[in-house]
Every structure is written in structure tokens, then in C-alpha cells.
N, C-alpha and C. Protein backbone atom coordinates (compact mmCIF):
# COMPACT_ATOMS: atom_id res chain seq x y z
N MET A 1 0.85 -1.18 0.00
CA MET A 1 0.00 0.00 0.00
C MET A 1 0.89 1.24 0.00
N ASP A 2 0.50 2.22 -0.74
CA ASP A 2 1.22 3.49 -0.82
C ASP A 2 1.23 4.14 0.57
N LYS A 3 2.37 4.65 0.99
CA LYS A 3 2.51 5.23 2.34
C LYS A 3 1.56 6.41 2.55
N GLU A 4 1.39 7.26 1.53
CA GLU A 4 0.49 8.41 1.67
C GLU A 4 -0.96 7.96 1.82
N LEU A 5 -1.35 6.95 1.06
CA LEU A 5 -2.70 6.39 1.15
C LEU A 5 -2.92 5.74 2.51
N GLU A 6 -1.89 5.07 3.01
CA GLU A 6 -1.98 4.44 4.33
C GLU A 6 -2.17 5.49 5.43
N LYS A 7 -1.46 6.60 5.35
CA LYS A 7 -1.61 7.67 6.34
C LYS A 7 -3.02 8.26 6.29
N GLU A 8 -3.54 8.45 5.08
CA GLU A 8 -4.89 9.00 4.92
C GLU A 8 -5.93 8.03 5.48
N SER A 9 -5.74 6.73 5.23
CA SER A 9 -6.67 5.72 5.75
C SER A 9 -6.68 5.70 7.27
N LEU A 10 -5.53 5.81 7.88
CA LEU A 10 -5.45 5.83 9.34
C LEU A 10 -6.10 7.07 9.91
N LYS A 11 -5.97 8.20 9.21
CA LYS A 11 -6.59 9.44 9.67
C LYS A 11 -8.12 9.31 9.64
N ILE A 12 -8.65 8.74 8.56
CA ILE A 12 -10.10 8.55 8.44
C ILE A 12 -10.59 7.53 9.46
N ALA A 13 -9.87 6.44 9.62
CA ALA A 13 -10.28 5.37 10.54
C ALA A 13 -10.30 5.85 11.98
N GLY A 14 -9.52 6.84 12.30
CA GLY A 14 -9.46 7.35 13.66
C GLY A 14 -10.49 8.43 13.97
N ARG A 15 -11.34 8.75 13.01
CA ARG A 15 -12.34 9.81 13.20
C ARG A 15 -13.42 9.38 14.18
N HIS A 16 -13.87 10.30 14.96
CA HIS A 16 -15.00 10.10 15.87
C HIS A 16 -16.08 11.10 15.51
N TYR A 17 -17.30 10.82 15.94
CA TYR A 17 -18.42 11.71 15.66
C TYR A 17 -18.22 13.07 16.30
N LYS A 18 -18.52 14.11 15.54
CA LYS A 18 -18.56 15.49 16.05
C LYS A 18 -19.89 16.08 15.60
N LYS A 19 -20.45 16.99 16.38
CA LYS A 19 -21.75 17.55 16.02
C LYS A 19 -21.72 18.26 14.68
N GLU A 20 -20.55 18.69 14.23
CA GLU A 20 -20.42 19.35 12.92
C GLU A 20 -20.63 18.37 11.77
N ASP A 21 -20.58 17.06 12.04
CA ASP A 21 -20.76 16.06 10.99
C ASP A 21 -22.14 16.13 10.35
N TYR A 22 -23.13 16.65 11.08
CA TYR A 22 -24.47 16.78 10.50
C TYR A 22 -24.48 17.75 9.31
N GLN A 23 -23.57 18.72 9.30
CA GLN A 23 -23.50 19.66 8.19
C GLN A 23 -22.40 19.27 7.19
N GLY A 24 -21.67 18.19 7.48
CA GLY A 24 -20.57 17.78 6.62
C GLY A 24 -21.03 17.33 5.25
N LYS A 25 -20.19 17.54 4.26
CA LYS A 25 -20.50 17.17 2.88
C LYS A 25 -19.81 15.88 2.45
N ASP A 26 -18.77 15.47 3.18
CA ASP A 26 -18.02 14.29 2.78
C ASP A 26 -18.69 13.01 3.28
N THR A 27 -18.32 11.90 2.68
CA THR A 27 -18.93 10.60 2.98
C THR A 27 -18.74 10.19 4.43
N VAL A 28 -17.56 10.41 4.97
CA VAL A 28 -17.28 10.00 6.36
C VAL A 28 -18.16 10.78 7.33
N SER A 29 -18.28 12.08 7.14
CA SER A 29 -19.12 12.90 8.02
C SER A 29 -20.58 12.47 7.95
N LYS A 30 -21.07 12.24 6.74
CA LYS A 30 -22.45 11.80 6.57
C LYS A 30 -22.69 10.45 7.24
N GLY A 31 -21.73 9.53 7.07
CA GLY A 31 -21.85 8.21 7.68
C GLY A 31 -21.84 8.27 9.20
N LEU A 32 -20.94 9.08 9.75
CA LEU A 32 -20.88 9.22 11.21
C LEU A 32 -22.14 9.87 11.76
N ALA A 33 -22.67 10.86 11.05
CA ALA A 33 -23.89 11.53 11.49
C ALA A 33 -25.08 10.57 11.46
N THR A 34 -25.18 9.77 10.39
CA THR A 34 -26.27 8.79 10.28
C THR A 34 -26.17 7.74 11.37
N THR A 35 -24.97 7.21 11.59
CA THR A 35 -24.78 6.20 12.63
C THR A 35 -25.09 6.78 14.01
N HIS A 36 -24.66 8.00 14.27
CA HIS A 36 -24.93 8.64 15.55
C HIS A 36 -26.43 8.80 15.76
N GLU A 37 -27.14 9.20 14.72
CA GLU A 37 -28.59 9.38 14.80
C GLU A 37 -29.28 8.06 15.10
N GLN A 38 -28.85 6.98 14.44
CA GLN A 38 -29.46 5.67 14.66
C GLN A 38 -29.21 5.18 16.09
N VAL A 39 -27.99 5.31 16.56
CA VAL A 39 -27.65 4.87 17.91
C VAL A 39 -28.41 5.70 18.94
N SER A 40 -28.49 6.99 18.72
CA SER A 40 -29.21 7.87 19.63
C SER A 40 -30.69 7.50 19.68
N ASP A 41 -31.30 7.24 18.52
CA ASP A 41 -32.71 6.85 18.48
C ASP A 41 -32.96 5.56 19.25
N VAL A 42 -32.11 4.57 19.01
CA VAL A 42 -32.27 3.28 19.68
C VAL A 42 -32.10 3.44 21.19
N TYR A 43 -31.12 4.22 21.60
CA TYR A 43 -30.88 4.44 23.02
C TYR A 43 -32.07 5.12 23.68
N MET A 44 -32.59 6.16 23.06
CA MET A 44 -33.70 6.92 23.64
C MET A 44 -35.00 6.12 23.65
N GLU A 45 -35.22 5.30 22.62
CA GLU A 45 -36.45 4.51 22.54
C GLU A 45 -36.39 3.28 23.44
N GLY A 46 -35.19 2.87 23.79
CA GLY A 46 -35.04 1.64 24.55
C GLY A 46 -35.34 0.43 23.68
N GLN A 47 -35.10 0.56 22.41
CA GLN A 47 -35.42 -0.48 21.44
C GLN A 47 -34.53 -1.70 21.64
N VAL A 48 -35.16 -2.88 21.63
CA VAL A 48 -34.43 -4.12 21.79
C VAL A 48 -34.22 -4.80 20.45
N THR A 49 -35.19 -4.69 19.57
CA THR A 49 -35.08 -5.33 18.26
C THR A 49 -34.28 -4.44 17.32
N PRO A 50 -33.19 -4.98 16.77
CA PRO A 50 -32.35 -4.16 15.90
C PRO A 50 -33.00 -3.91 14.54
N VAL A 51 -33.16 -2.64 14.19
CA VAL A 51 -33.78 -2.25 12.92
C VAL A 51 -33.00 -1.07 12.35
N ILE A 52 -32.75 -1.13 11.05
CA ILE A 52 -32.15 0.01 10.36
C ILE A 52 -33.30 0.79 9.75
N GLU A 53 -33.42 2.06 10.11
CA GLU A 53 -34.47 2.91 9.54
C GLU A 53 -33.94 3.51 8.25
N ASP A 54 -34.42 3.00 7.13
CA ASP A 54 -33.96 3.42 5.82
C ASP A 54 -34.48 4.81 5.49
N VAL A 55 -33.74 5.56 4.69
CA VAL A 55 -34.16 6.91 4.32
C VAL A 55 -35.43 6.91 3.48
N ASP A 56 -35.75 5.79 2.84
CA ASP A 56 -36.97 5.69 2.04
C ASP A 56 -38.19 5.38 2.89
N GLY A 57 -38.01 5.27 4.20
CA GLY A 57 -39.13 5.03 5.10
C GLY A 57 -39.37 3.57 5.42
N LYS A 58 -38.57 2.67 4.84
CA LYS A 58 -38.73 1.25 5.13
C LYS A 58 -37.82 0.86 6.29
N ASP A 59 -38.32 0.00 7.16
CA ASP A 59 -37.49 -0.53 8.24
C ASP A 59 -36.85 -1.83 7.76
N ILE A 60 -35.55 -1.96 7.97
CA ILE A 60 -34.82 -3.17 7.60
C ILE A 60 -34.48 -3.88 8.91
N HIS A 61 -35.09 -5.04 9.14
CA HIS A 61 -34.85 -5.78 10.37
C HIS A 61 -33.54 -6.55 10.26
N ILE A 62 -32.76 -6.50 11.33
CA ILE A 62 -31.47 -7.18 11.38
C ILE A 62 -31.67 -8.53 12.04
N SER A 63 -31.14 -9.56 11.41
CA SER A 63 -31.29 -10.92 11.91
C SER A 63 -30.56 -11.10 13.24
N LYS A 64 -31.15 -11.91 14.11
CA LYS A 64 -30.50 -12.21 15.39
C LYS A 64 -29.76 -13.54 15.31
N ARG A 65 -29.48 -13.97 14.09
CA ARG A 65 -28.79 -15.23 13.88
C ARG A 65 -27.40 -15.19 14.51
N ILE A 66 -27.00 -16.26 15.13
CA ILE A 66 -25.67 -16.36 15.72
C ILE A 66 -24.76 -17.04 14.71
N PHE A 67 -23.62 -16.43 14.45
CA PHE A 67 -22.67 -16.98 13.49
C PHE A 67 -21.58 -17.73 14.24
N ASP A 68 -21.15 -18.83 13.66
CA ASP A 68 -20.06 -19.62 14.25
C ASP A 68 -18.72 -19.02 13.89
């Protein structure tokens, strides 16, 4: 792997959510903001069943299957 690309990957991988991510235009900011919103919703609702709330309004249920 190219050293410059490796440094950039490590910088992105080390990112944490910041409230400014909601206004961010880049993919990482949008992803962090979406993930933060989903986690916050689940925490506040006390939801036990894992569901991804799709932007199109459909709920995607996550399987509780145990993998070996």
C-alpha cells in the first residue's frame, strides 16, 4: 500500500463523531452523522429489536442469527 494512502486511511479510521458532521458534505461525516442518529434513536427509545431505519421510510430488520 502506498505510504500516503496508508496515512490518509489511518486518519479517516481514527475519526470520531462530532456535532459538525451533520453539516458535513463528505462521505465520512455523513456516515458518522447517520450512525450517531441511529444509535441515539435506539438508546432513547429503549429499542431491543435491531432495525435500520432506511431513508426511504422502510425498516430493515437485522437478523438475530448467531454466526459460528
